[in-house]
Amino acid sequence: MNPVIERVTARIQERSQKSRGDYLARIAEAASDGPARGHLSCSNIAHGIAASGPTDKTALAGNVAPNIGIVSAYNDMLSAHQPFERFPALIKEAAASRGATAQFAGGVPAMCDGVTQG
């Protein structure tokens, strides 16, 4: 690796060690608390479960398996965003392999420099 990149990377790792450790501790604590679906209103739970397949319906209703929300910048107009099209399916597959569910929650507006420059 380029020596400058190695030095910069080492500085970033050193500088962020405490905040990253704190973040990872919060994530571990949240994971040990289990899913927080009990904090959602019944209508939100019903919508999330209604759109799921039979296996996911059971997992979501059980309030035990994690459910990952997927948000993407994919759209059909920007060639640079085309690779994002396959990510929700890959994430769902990976989640299922670990006993979790994943649902595509929506997209975010995305523009590229070529479009914004006219």
PDB file of N, CA and C in Angstrom:
ATOM      1  N   MET A   1       0.848  -1.173   0.000  1.00  0.00           N
ATOM      2  CA  MET A   1       0.000   0.000   0.000  1.00  0.00           C
ATOM      3  C   MET A   1       0.901   1.246   0.000  1.00  0.00           C
ATOM      4  N   ASN A   2       0.400   2.293  -0.568  1.00  0.00           N
ATOM      5  CA  ASN A   2       1.109   3.560  -0.612  1.00  0.00           C
ATOM      6  C   ASN A   2       1.373   4.043   0.820  1.00  0.00           C
ATOM      7  N   PRO A   3       2.597   4.458   1.134  1.00  0.00           N
ATOM      8  CA  PRO A   3       2.937   4.875   2.501  1.00  0.00           C
ATOM      9  C   PRO A   3       2.080   6.033   3.031  1.00  0.00           C
ATOM     10  N   VAL A   4       1.718   6.966   2.166  1.00  0.00           N
ATOM     11  CA  VAL A   4       0.874   8.085   2.607  1.00  0.00           C
ATOM     12  C   VAL A   4      -0.505   7.563   3.016  1.00  0.00           C
ATOM     13  N   ILE A   5      -1.045   6.668   2.217  1.00  0.00           N
ATOM     14  CA  ILE A   5      -2.359   6.090   2.538  1.00  0.00           C
ATOM     15  C   ILE A   5      -2.278   5.300   3.837  1.00  0.00           C
ATOM     16  N   GLU A   6      -1.189   4.569   4.039  1.00  0.00           N
ATOM     17  CA  GLU A   6      -1.010   3.817   5.286  1.00  0.00           C
ATOM     18  C   GLU A   6      -0.984   4.757   6.492  1.00  0.00           C
ATOM     19  N   ARG A   7      -0.261   5.878   6.386  1.00  0.00           N
ATOM     20  CA  ARG A   7      -0.172   6.827   7.510  1.00  0.00           C
ATOM     21  C   ARG A   7      -1.540   7.469   7.786  1.00  0.00           C
ATOM     22  N   VAL A   8      -2.220   7.871   6.738  1.00  0.00           N
ATOM     23  CA  VAL A   8      -3.538   8.490   6.911  1.00  0.00           C
ATOM     24  C   VAL A   8      -4.509   7.490   7.527  1.00  0.00           C
ATOM     25  N   THR A   9      -4.491   6.270   7.030  1.00  0.00           N
ATOM     26  CA  THR A   9      -5.374   5.226   7.568  1.00  0.00           C
ATOM     27  C   THR A   9      -5.086   4.983   9.042  1.00  0.00           C
ATOM     28  N   ALA A  10      -3.810   4.897   9.400  1.00  0.00           N
ATOM     29  CA  ALA A  10      -3.428   4.681  10.801  1.00  0.00           C
ATOM     30  C   ALA A  10      -3.909   5.833  11.683  1.00  0.00           C
ATOM     31  N   ARG A  11      -3.785   7.075  11.204  1.00  0.00           N
ATOM     32  CA  ARG A  11      -4.251   8.236  11.972  1.00  0.00           C
ATOM     33  C   ARG A  11      -5.765   8.190  12.168  1.00  0.00           C
ATOM     34  N   ILE A  12      -6.479   7.839  11.122  1.00  0.00           N
ATOM     35  CA  ILE A  12      -7.946   7.757  11.224  1.00  0.00           C
ATOM     36  C   ILE A  12      -8.335   6.674  12.217  1.00  0.00           C
ATOM     37  N   GLN A  13      -7.699   5.518  12.134  1.00  0.00           N
ATOM     38  CA  GLN A  13      -8.008   4.425  13.057  1.00  0.00           C
ATOM     39  C   GLN A  13      -7.722   4.831  14.502  1.00  0.00           C
ATOM     40  N   GLU A  14      -6.594   5.470  14.720  1.00  0.00           N
ATOM     41  CA  GLU A  14      -6.224   5.893  16.070  1.00  0.00           C
ATOM     42  C   GLU A  14      -7.198   6.949  16.591  1.00  0.00           C
ATOM     43  N   ARG A  15      -7.496   7.937  15.750  1.00  0.00           N
ATOM     44  CA  ARG A  15      -8.373   9.028  16.147  1.00  0.00           C
ATOM     45  C   ARG A  15      -9.803   8.554  16.422  1.00  0.00           C
ATOM     46  N   SER A  16     -10.246   7.534  15.710  1.00  0.00           N
ATOM     47  CA  SER A  16     -11.646   7.101  15.844  1.00  0.00           C
ATOM     48  C   SER A  16     -11.808   5.880  16.751  1.00  0.00           C
ATOM     49  N   GLN A  17     -10.719   5.412  17.347  1.00  0.00           N
ATOM     50  CA  GLN A  17     -10.792   4.185  18.147  1.00  0.00           C
ATOM     51  C   GLN A  17     -11.821   4.286  19.274  1.00  0.00           C
ATOM     52  N   LYS A  18     -11.814   5.377  20.041  1.00  0.00           N
ATOM     53  CA  LYS A  18     -12.757   5.500  21.154  1.00  0.00           C
ATOM     54  C   LYS A  18     -14.199   5.629  20.655  1.00  0.00           C
ATOM     55  N   SER A  19     -14.435   6.520  19.692  1.00  0.00           N
ATOM     56  CA  SER A  19     -15.809   6.704  19.219  1.00  0.00           C
ATOM     57  C   SER A  19     -16.327   5.445  18.537  1.00  0.00           C
ATOM     58  N   ARG A  20     -15.459   4.743  17.802  1.00  0.00           N
ATOM     59  CA  ARG A  20     -15.881   3.485  17.172  1.00  0.00           C
ATOM     60  C   ARG A  20     -16.177   2.434  18.232  1.00  0.00           C
ATOM     61  N   GLY A  21     -15.346   2.377  19.266  1.00  0.00           N
ATOM     62  CA  GLY A  21     -15.591   1.431  20.368  1.00  0.00           C
ATOM     63  C   GLY A  21     -16.917   1.716  21.052  1.00  0.00           C
ATOM     64  N   ASP A  22     -17.193   3.018  21.301  1.00  0.00           N
ATOM     65  CA  ASP A  22     -18.471   3.403  21.910  1.00  0.00           C
ATOM     66  C   ASP A  22     -19.645   3.000  21.020  1.00  0.00           C
ATOM     67  N   TYR A  23     -19.494   3.254  19.724  1.00  0.00           N
ATOM     68  CA  TYR A  23     -20.546   2.900  18.761  1.00  0.00           C
ATOM     69  C   TYR A  23     -20.792   1.392  18.758  1.00  0.00           C
ATOM     70  N   LEU A  24     -19.720   0.607  18.694  1.00  0.00           N
ATOM     71  CA  LEU A  24     -19.874  -0.848  18.672  1.00  0.00           C
ATOM     72  C   LEU A  24     -20.486  -1.366  19.967  1.00  0.00           C
ATOM     73  N   ALA A  25     -20.168  -0.737  21.079  1.00  0.00           N
ATOM     74  CA  ALA A  25     -20.779  -1.131  22.360  1.00  0.00           C
ATOM     75  C   ALA A  25     -22.274  -0.844  22.348  1.00  0.00           C
ATOM     76  N   ARG A  26     -22.677   0.326  21.795  1.00  0.00           N
ATOM     77  CA  ARG A  26     -24.111   0.646  21.705  1.00  0.00           C
ATOM     78  C   ARG A  26     -24.839  -0.338  20.794  1.00  0.00           C
ATOM     79  N   ILE A  27     -24.197  -0.711  19.691  1.00  0.00           N
ATOM     80  CA  ILE A  27     -24.804  -1.681  18.769  1.00  0.00           C
ATOM     81  C   ILE A  27     -24.986  -3.027  19.466  1.00  0.00           C
ATOM     82  N   ALA A  28     -23.966  -3.474  20.188  1.00  0.00           N
ATOM     83  CA  ALA A  28     -24.052  -4.753  20.900  1.00  0.00           C
ATOM     84  C   ALA A  28     -25.155  -4.707  21.954  1.00  0.00           C
ATOM     85  N   GLU A  29     -25.268  -3.587  22.661  1.00  0.00           N
ATOM     86  CA  GLU A  29     -26.318  -3.441  23.671  1.00  0.00           C
ATOM     87  C   GLU A  29     -27.702  -3.481  23.028  1.00  0.00           C
ATOM     88  N   ALA A  30     -27.858  -2.765  21.913  1.00  0.00           N
ATOM     89  CA  ALA A  30     -29.147  -2.757  21.214  1.00  0.00           C
ATOM     90  C   ALA A  30     -29.489  -4.148  20.706  1.00  0.00           C
ATOM     91  N   ALA A  31     -28.498  -4.858  20.214  1.00  0.00           N
ATOM     92  CA  ALA A  31     -28.739  -6.215  19.710  1.00  0.00           C
ATOM     93  C   ALA A  31     -29.165  -7.142  20.839  1.00  0.00           C
ATOM     94  N   SER A  32     -28.594  -6.965  22.012  1.00  0.00           N
ATOM     95  CA  SER A  32     -28.965  -7.840  23.130  1.00  0.00           C
ATOM     96  C   SER A  32     -30.371  -7.538  23.640  1.00  0.00           C
ATOM     97  N   ASP A  33     -30.867  -6.314  23.367  1.00  0.00           N
ATOM     98  CA  ASP A  33     -32.234  -5.958  23.760  1.00  0.00           C
ATOM     99  C   ASP A  33     -33.275  -6.617  22.858  1.00  0.00           C
ATOM    100  N   GLY A  34     -32.869  -7.072  21.683  1.00  0.00           N
ATOM    101  CA  GLY A  34     -33.783  -7.702  20.739  1.00  0.00           C
ATOM    102  C   GLY A  34     -34.526  -6.676  19.904  1.00  0.00           C
ATOM    103  N   PRO A  35     -35.385  -7.145  18.996  1.00  0.00           N
ATOM    104  CA  PRO A  35     -36.133  -6.248  18.111  1.00  0.00           C
ATOM    105  C   PRO A  35     -37.026  -5.297  18.902  1.00  0.00           C
ATOM    106  N   ALA A  36     -37.226  -4.113  18.358  1.00  0.00           N
ATOM    107  CA  ALA A  36     -38.038  -3.091  19.026  1.00  0.00           C
ATOM    108  C   ALA A  36     -39.389  -2.924  18.351  1.00  0.00           C
ATOM    109  N   ARG A  37     -39.911  -3.997  17.752  1.00  0.00           N
ATOM    110  CA  ARG A  37     -41.196  -3.873  17.057  1.00  0.00           C
ATOM    111  C   ARG A  37     -42.334  -3.545  18.002  1.00  0.00           C
ATOM    112  N   GLY A  38     -42.160  -3.816  19.286  1.00  0.00           N
ATOM    113  CA  GLY A  38     -43.203  -3.486  20.250  1.00  0.00           C
ATOM    114  C   GLY A  38     -43.446  -1.997  20.362  1.00  0.00           C
ATOM    115  N   HIS A  39     -42.501  -1.188  19.858  1.00  0.00           N
ATOM    116  CA  HIS A  39     -42.651   0.259  19.917  1.00  0.00           C
ATOM    117  C   HIS A  39     -43.400   0.815  18.712  1.00  0.00           C
ATOM    118  N   LEU A  40     -43.685  -0.017  17.739  1.00  0.00           N
ATOM    119  CA  LEU A  40     -44.408   0.433  16.549  1.00  0.00           C
ATOM    120  C   LEU A  40     -45.905   0.297  16.761  1.00  0.00           C
ATOM    121  N   SER A  41     -46.653   1.152  16.094  1.00  0.00           N
ATOM    122  CA  SER A  41     -48.105   1.035  16.196  1.00  0.00           C
ATOM    123  C   SER A  41     -48.561  -0.222  15.466  1.00  0.00           C
ATOM    124  N   CYS A  42     -49.740  -0.694  15.799  1.00  0.00           N
ATOM    125  CA  CYS A  42     -50.277  -1.913  15.175  1.00  0.00           C
ATOM    126  C   CYS A  42     -50.373  -1.784  13.659  1.00  0.00           C
ATOM    127  N   SER A  43     -50.738  -0.587  13.174  1.00  0.00           N
ATOM    128  CA  SER A  43     -50.891  -0.433  11.725  1.00  0.00           C
ATOM    129  C   SER A  43     -49.554  -0.584  11.011  1.00  0.00           C
ATOM    130  N   ASN A  44     -48.478  -0.064  11.582  1.00  0.00           N
ATOM    131  CA  ASN A  44     -47.172  -0.215  10.942  1.00  0.00           C
ATOM    132  C   ASN A  44     -46.731  -1.673  10.924  1.00  0.00           C
ATOM    133  N   ILE A  45     -46.965  -2.382  12.015  1.00  0.00           N
ATOM    134  CA  ILE A  45     -46.639  -3.810  12.069  1.00  0.00           C
ATOM    135  C   ILE A  45     -47.463  -4.556  11.026  1.00  0.00           C
ATOM    136  N   ALA A  46     -48.761  -4.247  10.958  1.00  0.00           N
ATOM    137  CA  ALA A  46     -49.641  -4.939  10.020  1.00  0.00           C
ATOM    138  C   ALA A  46     -49.192  -4.734   8.582  1.00  0.00           C
ATOM    139  N   HIS A  47     -48.815  -3.501   8.217  1.00  0.00           N
ATOM    140  CA  HIS A  47     -48.354  -3.239   6.852  1.00  0.00           C
ATOM    141  C   HIS A  47     -47.077  -4.005   6.552  1.00  0.00           C
ATOM    142  N   GLY A  48     -46.146  -3.997   7.471  1.00  0.00           N
ATOM    143  CA  GLY A  48     -44.876  -4.703   7.265  1.00  0.00           C
ATOM    144  C   GLY A  48     -45.059  -6.194   7.124  1.00  0.00           C
ATOM    145  N   ILE A  49     -45.943  -6.750   7.915  1.00  0.00           N
ATOM    146  CA  ILE A  49     -46.181  -8.195   7.865  1.00  0.00           C
ATOM    147  C   ILE A  49     -46.998  -8.567   6.632  1.00  0.00           C
ATOM    148  N   ALA A  50     -48.000  -7.749   6.283  1.00  0.00           N
ATOM    149  CA  ALA A  50     -48.879  -8.066   5.153  1.00  0.00           C
ATOM    150  C   ALA A  50     -48.112  -8.206   3.850  1.00  0.00           C
ATOM    151  N   ALA A  51     -47.063  -7.424   3.677  1.00  0.00           N
ATOM    152  CA  ALA A  51     -46.314  -7.433   2.422  1.00  0.00           C
ATOM    153  C   ALA A  51     -45.278  -8.555   2.358  1.00  0.00           C
ATOM    154  N   SER A  52     -45.145  -9.314   3.417  1.00  0.00           N
ATOM    155  CA  SER A  52     -44.098 -10.345   3.495  1.00  0.00           C
ATOM    156  C   SER A  52     -44.604 -11.706   3.043  1.00  0.00           C
ATOM    157  N   GLY A  53     -43.650 -12.557   2.686  1.00  0.00           N
ATOM    158  CA  GLY A  53     -43.972 -13.947   2.375  1.00  0.00           C
ATOM    159  C   GLY A  53     -44.250 -14.724   3.647  1.00  0.00           C
ATOM    160  N   PRO A  54     -44.741 -15.955   3.513  1.00  0.00           N
ATOM    161  CA  PRO A  54     -45.144 -16.749   4.682  1.00  0.00           C
ATOM    162  C   PRO A  54     -44.052 -16.913   5.741  1.00  0.00           C
ATOM    163  N   THR A  55     -42.820 -17.181   5.326  1.00  0.00           N
ATOM    164  CA  THR A  55     -41.741 -17.375   6.298  1.00  0.00           C
ATOM    165  C   THR A  55     -41.453 -16.080   7.049  1.00  0.00           C
ATOM    166  N   ASP A  56     -41.379 -14.971   6.319  1.00  0.00           N
ATOM    167  CA  ASP A  56     -41.118 -13.685   6.964  1.00  0.00           C
ATOM    168  C   ASP A  56     -42.278 -13.256   7.850  1.00  0.00           C
ATOM    169  N   LYS A  57     -43.522 -13.551   7.442  1.00  0.00           N
ATOM    170  CA  LYS A  57     -44.685 -13.207   8.269  1.00  0.00           C
ATOM    171  C   LYS A  57     -44.538 -13.831   9.652  1.00  0.00           C
ATOM    172  N   THR A  58     -44.188 -15.100   9.686  1.00  0.00           N
ATOM    173  CA  THR A  58     -44.035 -15.808  10.956  1.00  0.00           C
ATOM    174  C   THR A  58     -42.916 -15.187  11.784  1.00  0.00           C
ATOM    175  N   ALA A  59     -41.792 -14.907  11.144  1.00  0.00           N
ATOM    176  CA  ALA A  59     -40.651 -14.326  11.864  1.00  0.00           C
ATOM    177  C   ALA A  59     -40.991 -12.945  12.409  1.00  0.00           C
ATOM    178  N   LEU A  60     -41.653 -12.111  11.618  1.00  0.00           N
ATOM    179  CA  LEU A  60     -41.994 -10.766  12.055  1.00  0.00           C
ATOM    180  C   LEU A  60     -43.040 -10.767  13.166  1.00  0.00           C
ATOM    181  N   ALA A  61     -44.015 -11.647  13.053  1.00  0.00           N
ATOM    182  CA  ALA A  61     -45.061 -11.718  14.070  1.00  0.00           C
ATOM    183  C   ALA A  61     -44.511 -12.234  15.392  1.00  0.00           C
ATOM    184  N   GLY A  62     -43.439 -13.021  15.322  1.00  0.00           N
ATOM    185  CA  GLY A  62     -42.867 -13.589  16.534  1.00  0.00           C
ATOM    186  C   GLY A  62     -42.091 -12.594  17.374  1.00  0.00           C
ATOM    187  N   ASN A  63     -41.778 -11.422  16.832  1.00  0.00           N
ATOM    188  CA  ASN A  63     -41.081 -10.369  17.570  1.00  0.00           C
ATOM    189  C   ASN A  63     -39.734 -10.846  18.129  1.00  0.00           C
ATOM    190  N   VAL A  64     -39.092 -11.782  17.437  1.00  0.00           N
ATOM    191  CA  VAL A  64     -37.812 -12.301  17.902  1.00  0.00           C
ATOM    192  C   VAL A  64     -36.714 -12.052  16.872  1.00  0.00           C
ATOM    193  N   ALA A  65     -36.992 -12.340  15.606  1.00  0.00           N
ATOM    194  CA  ALA A  65     -35.979 -12.205  14.556  1.00  0.00           C
ATOM    195  C   ALA A  65     -35.785 -10.735  14.184  1.00  0.00           C
ATOM    196  N   PRO A  66     -34.542 -10.321  13.956  1.00  0.00           N
ATOM    197  CA  PRO A  66     -34.303  -8.949  13.501  1.00  0.00           C
ATOM    198  C   PRO A  66     -34.918  -8.709  12.122  1.00  0.00           C
ATOM    199  N   ASN A  67     -35.354  -7.504  11.867  1.00  0.00           N
ATOM    200  CA  ASN A  67     -35.864  -7.105  10.568  1.00  0.00           C
ATOM    201  C   ASN A  67     -35.088  -5.868  10.138  1.00  0.00           C
ATOM    202  N   ILE A  68     -34.409  -5.959   9.010  1.00  0.00           N
ATOM    203  CA  ILE A  68     -33.542  -4.894   8.526  1.00  0.00           C
ATOM    204  C   ILE A  68     -34.286  -4.078   7.481  1.00  0.00           C
ATOM    205  N   GLY A  69     -34.314  -2.772   7.650  1.00  0.00           N
ATOM    206  CA  GLY A  69     -34.903  -1.880   6.652  1.00  0.00           C
ATOM    207  C   GLY A  69     -33.844  -1.513   5.619  1.00  0.00           C
ATOM    208  N   ILE A  70     -34.188  -1.657   4.362  1.00  0.00           N
ATOM    209  CA  ILE A  70     -33.260  -1.352   3.272  1.00  0.00           C
ATOM    210  C   ILE A  70     -33.701  -0.057   2.602  1.00  0.00           C
ATOM    211  N   VAL A  71     -32.791   0.888   2.485  1.00  0.00           N
ATOM    212  CA  VAL A  71     -33.032   2.148   1.786  1.00  0.00           C
ATOM    213  C   VAL A  71     -31.960   2.271   0.718  1.00  0.00           C
ATOM    214  N   SER A  72     -32.332   2.640  -0.492  1.00  0.00           N
ATOM    215  CA  SER A  72     -31.383   2.645  -1.597  1.00  0.00           C
ATOM    216  C   SER A  72     -31.520   3.897  -2.451  1.00  0.00           C
ATOM    217  N   ALA A  73     -30.437   4.242  -3.122  1.00  0.00           N
ATOM    218  CA  ALA A  73     -30.438   5.356  -4.075  1.00  0.00           C
ATOM    219  C   ALA A  73     -30.630   4.847  -5.504  1.00  0.00           C
ATOM    220  N   TYR A  74     -31.018   3.563  -5.649  1.00  0.00           N
ATOM    221  CA  TYR A  74     -31.201   3.002  -6.990  1.00  0.00           C
ATOM    222  C   TYR A  74     -32.290   3.755  -7.745  1.00  0.00           C
ATOM    223  N   ASN A  75     -32.039   3.980  -9.023  1.00  0.00           N
ATOM    224  CA  ASN A  75     -33.078   4.440  -9.938  1.00  0.00           C
ATOM    225  C   ASN A  75     -32.674   4.050 -11.360  1.00  0.00           C
ATOM    226  N   ASP A  76     -33.618   4.036 -12.255  1.00  0.00           N
ATOM    227  CA  ASP A  76     -33.380   3.600 -13.636  1.00  0.00           C
ATOM    228  C   ASP A  76     -32.725   4.662 -14.512  1.00  0.00           C
ATOM    229  N   MET A  77     -32.660   5.903 -14.059  1.00  0.00           N
ATOM    230  CA  MET A  77     -32.174   6.980 -14.913  1.00  0.00           C
ATOM    231  C   MET A  77     -30.664   7.183 -14.891  1.00  0.00           C
ATOM    232  N   LEU A  78     -30.004   6.712 -13.847  1.00  0.00           N
ATOM    233  CA  LEU A  78     -28.579   6.980 -13.703  1.00  0.00           C
ATOM    234  C   LEU A  78     -27.779   5.695 -13.812  1.00  0.00           C
ATOM    235  N   SER A  79     -26.931   5.637 -14.814  1.00  0.00           N
ATOM    236  CA  SER A  79     -26.165   4.414 -15.040  1.00  0.00           C
ATOM    237  C   SER A  79     -25.277   4.060 -13.854  1.00  0.00           C
ATOM    238  N   ALA A  80     -24.769   5.049 -13.157  1.00  0.00           N
ATOM    239  CA  ALA A  80     -23.902   4.779 -12.007  1.00  0.00           C
ATOM    240  C   ALA A  80     -24.670   4.117 -10.859  1.00  0.00           C
ATOM    241  N   HIS A  81     -25.990   4.237 -10.873  1.00  0.00           N
ATOM    242  CA  HIS A  81     -26.804   3.653  -9.805  1.00  0.00           C
ATOM    243  C   HIS A  81     -27.323   2.255 -10.165  1.00  0.00           C
ATOM    244  N   GLN A  82     -27.094   1.816 -11.373  1.00  0.00           N
ATOM    245  CA  GLN A  82     -27.590   0.516 -11.814  1.00  0.00           C
ATOM    246  C   GLN A  82     -27.137  -0.642 -10.929  1.00  0.00           C
ATOM    247  N   PRO A  83     -25.891  -0.660 -10.435  1.00  0.00           N
ATOM    248  CA  PRO A  83     -25.493  -1.777  -9.567  1.00  0.00           C
ATOM    249  C   PRO A  83     -26.336  -1.883  -8.297  1.00  0.00           C
ATOM    250  N   PHE A  84     -26.929  -0.766  -7.852  1.00  0.00           N
ATOM    251  CA  PHE A  84     -27.739  -0.804  -6.632  1.00  0.00           C
ATOM    252  C   PHE A  84     -29.012  -1.627  -6.804  1.00  0.00           C
ATOM    253  N   GLU A  85     -29.422  -1.875  -8.048  1.00  0.00           N
ATOM    254  CA  GLU A  85     -30.668  -2.593  -8.302  1.00  0.00           C
ATOM    255  C   GLU A  85     -30.673  -3.968  -7.639  1.00  0.00           C
ATOM    256  N   ARG A  86     -29.554  -4.645  -7.632  1.00  0.00           N
ATOM    257  CA  ARG A  86     -29.515  -6.018  -7.113  1.00  0.00           C
ATOM    258  C   ARG A  86     -29.274  -6.101  -5.611  1.00  0.00           C
ATOM    259  N   PHE A  87     -28.911  -4.995  -4.959  1.00  0.00           N
ATOM    260  CA  PHE A  87     -28.557  -5.044  -3.548  1.00  0.00           C
ATOM    261  C   PHE A  87     -29.701  -5.465  -2.619  1.00  0.00           C
ATOM    262  N   PRO A  88     -30.934  -4.983  -2.784  1.00  0.00           N
ATOM    263  CA  PRO A  88     -31.983  -5.428  -1.865  1.00  0.00           C
ATOM    264  C   PRO A  88     -32.141  -6.956  -1.841  1.00  0.00           C
ATOM    265  N   ALA A  89     -32.106  -7.587  -3.000  1.00  0.00           N
ATOM    266  CA  ALA A  89     -32.226  -9.054  -3.025  1.00  0.00           C
ATOM    267  C   ALA A  89     -31.042  -9.716  -2.323  1.00  0.00           C
ATOM    268  N   LEU A  90     -29.845  -9.179  -2.536  1.00  0.00           N
ATOM    269  CA  LEU A  90     -28.662  -9.737  -1.872  1.00  0.00           C
ATOM    270  C   LEU A  90     -28.742  -9.560  -0.355  1.00  0.00           C
ATOM    271  N   ILE A  91     -29.206  -8.400   0.087  1.00  0.00           N
ATOM    272  CA  ILE A  91     -29.328  -8.136   1.522  1.00  0.00           C
ATOM    273  C   ILE A  91     -30.390  -9.039   2.136  1.00  0.00           C
ATOM    274  N   LYS A  92     -31.514  -9.208   1.441  1.00  0.00           N
ATOM    275  CA  LYS A  92     -32.571 -10.101   1.938  1.00  0.00           C
ATOM    276  C   LYS A  92     -32.055 -11.524   2.067  1.00  0.00           C
ATOM    277  N   GLU A  93     -31.309 -11.977   1.077  1.00  0.00           N
ATOM    278  CA  GLU A  93     -30.739 -13.321   1.093  1.00  0.00           C
ATOM    279  C   GLU A  93     -29.753 -13.481   2.256  1.00  0.00           C
ATOM    280  N   ALA A  94     -28.892 -12.503   2.440  1.00  0.00           N
ATOM    281  CA  ALA A  94     -27.913 -12.558   3.534  1.00  0.00           C
ATOM    282  C   ALA A  94     -28.615 -12.540   4.891  1.00  0.00           C
ATOM    283  N   ALA A  95     -29.649 -11.709   5.026  1.00  0.00           N
ATOM    284  CA  ALA A  95     -30.393 -11.651   6.290  1.00  0.00           C
ATOM    285  C   ALA A  95     -31.053 -12.990   6.576  1.00  0.00           C
ATOM    286  N   ALA A  96     -31.686 -13.566   5.560  1.00  0.00           N
ATOM    287  CA  ALA A  96     -32.356 -14.860   5.745  1.00  0.00           C
ATOM    288  C   ALA A  96     -31.365 -15.943   6.162  1.00  0.00           C
ATOM    289  N   SER A  97     -30.152 -15.893   5.629  1.00  0.00           N
ATOM    290  CA  SER A  97     -29.161 -16.908   5.978  1.00  0.00           C
ATOM    291  C   SER A  97     -28.721 -16.796   7.439  1.00  0.00           C
ATOM    292  N   ARG A  98     -29.007 -15.644   8.066  1.00  0.00           N
ATOM    293  CA  ARG A  98     -28.644 -15.438   9.473  1.00  0.00           C
ATOM    294  C   ARG A  98     -29.873 -15.431  10.385  1.00  0.00           C
ATOM    295  N   GLY A  99     -31.026 -15.849   9.854  1.00  0.00           N
ATOM    296  CA  GLY A  99     -32.241 -15.920  10.667  1.00  0.00           C
ATOM    297  C   GLY A  99     -32.973 -14.605  10.833  1.00  0.00           C
ATOM    298  N   ALA A 100     -32.678 -13.646   9.976  1.00  0.00           N
ATOM    299  CA  ALA A 100     -33.328 -12.337  10.051  1.00  0.00           C
ATOM    300  C   ALA A 100     -34.197 -12.133   8.812  1.00  0.00           C
ATOM    301  N   THR A 101     -34.950 -11.055   8.821  1.00  0.00           N
ATOM    302  CA  THR A 101     -35.709 -10.651   7.644  1.00  0.00           C
ATOM    303  C   THR A 101     -35.207  -9.281   7.210  1.00  0.00           C
ATOM    304  N   ALA A 102     -35.485  -8.912   5.981  1.00  0.00           N
ATOM    305  CA  ALA A 102     -35.132  -7.594   5.478  1.00  0.00           C
ATOM    306  C   ALA A 102     -36.228  -7.150   4.519  1.00  0.00           C
ATOM    307  N   GLN A 103     -36.581  -5.884   4.601  1.00  0.00           N
ATOM    308  CA  GLN A 103     -37.615  -5.329   3.737  1.00  0.00           C
ATOM    309  C   GLN A 103     -37.110  -4.034   3.118  1.00  0.00           C
ATOM    310  N   PHE A 104     -37.427  -3.858   1.836  1.00  0.00           N
ATOM    311  CA  PHE A 104     -37.064  -2.619   1.157  1.00  0.00           C
ATOM    312  C   PHE A 104     -38.013  -1.540   1.645  1.00  0.00           C
ATOM    313  N   ALA A 105     -37.485  -0.550   2.348  1.00  0.00           N
ATOM    314  CA  ALA A 105     -38.311   0.486   2.953  1.00  0.00           C
ATOM    315  C   ALA A 105     -38.516   1.672   2.032  1.00  0.00           C
ATOM    316  N   GLY A 106     -37.697   1.815   1.010  1.00  0.00           N
ATOM    317  CA  GLY A 106     -37.886   2.917   0.085  1.00  0.00           C
ATOM    318  C   GLY A 106     -36.577   3.430  -0.473  1.00  0.00           C
ATOM    319  N   GLY A 107     -36.702   4.383  -1.336  1.00  0.00           N
ATOM    320  CA  GLY A 107     -35.535   4.969  -1.971  1.00  0.00           C
ATOM    321  C   GLY A 107     -35.309   6.388  -1.515  1.00  0.00           C
ATOM    322  N   VAL A 108     -34.127   6.861  -1.744  1.00  0.00           N
ATOM    323  CA  VAL A 108     -33.795   8.251  -1.449  1.00  0.00           C
ATOM    324  C   VAL A 108     -33.558   8.964  -2.771  1.00  0.00           C
ATOM    325  N   PRO A 109     -33.903  10.239  -2.857  1.00  0.00           N
ATOM    326  CA  PRO A 109     -33.646  10.959  -4.101  1.00  0.00           C
ATOM    327  C   PRO A 109     -32.161  10.933  -4.421  1.00  0.00           C
ATOM    328  N   ALA A 110     -31.845  10.725  -5.674  1.00  0.00           N
ATOM    329  CA  ALA A 110     -30.440  10.663  -6.066  1.00  0.00           C
ATOM    330  C   ALA A 110     -30.254  11.359  -7.404  1.00  0.00           C
ATOM    331  N   MET A 111     -29.265  12.173  -7.472  1.00  0.00           N
ATOM    332  CA  MET A 111     -28.900  12.846  -8.707  1.00  0.00           C
ATOM    333  C   MET A 111     -27.428  12.610  -8.961  1.00  0.00           C
ATOM    334  N   CYS A 112     -27.040  12.789 -10.170  1.00  0.00           N
ATOM    335  CA  CYS A 112     -25.606  12.719 -10.488  1.00  0.00           C
ATOM    336  C   CYS A 112     -25.183  14.078 -11.015  1.00  0.00           C
ATOM    337  N   ASP A 113     -23.884  14.308 -11.056  1.00  0.00           N
ATOM    338  CA  ASP A 113     -23.395  15.614 -11.491  1.00  0.00           C
ATOM    339  C   ASP A 113     -23.806  15.927 -12.924  1.00  0.00           C
ATOM    340  N   GLY A 114     -23.847  14.908 -13.782  1.00  0.00           N
ATOM    341  CA  GLY A 114     -24.230  15.136 -15.176  1.00  0.00           C
ATOM    342  C   GLY A 114     -25.657  15.634 -15.303  1.00  0.00           C
ATOM    343  N   VAL A 115     -26.558  15.090 -14.501  1.00  0.00           N
ATOM    344  CA  VAL A 115     -27.959  15.518 -14.554  1.00  0.00           C
ATOM    345  C   VAL A 115     -28.099  16.931 -13.979  1.00  0.00           C
ATOM    346  N   THR A 116     -27.445  17.198 -12.852  1.00  0.00           N
ATOM    347  CA  THR A 116     -27.597  18.507 -12.221  1.00  0.00           C
ATOM    348  C   THR A 116     -26.933  19.617 -13.032  1.00  0.00           C
ATOM    349  N   GLN A 117     -25.951  19.274 -13.846  1.00  0.00           N
ATOM    350  CA  GLN A 117     -25.284  20.279 -14.669  1.00  0.00           C
ATOM    351  C   GLN A 117     -26.011  20.531 -15.988  1.00  0.00           C
ATOM    352  N   GLY A 118     -27.066  19.759 -16.237  1.00  0.00           N
ATOM    353  CA  GLY A 118     -27.859  19.981 -17.427  1.00  0.00           C
ATOM    354  C   GLY A 118     -27.287  19.282 -18.612  1.00  0.00           C
TER     355      GLY A 118
END
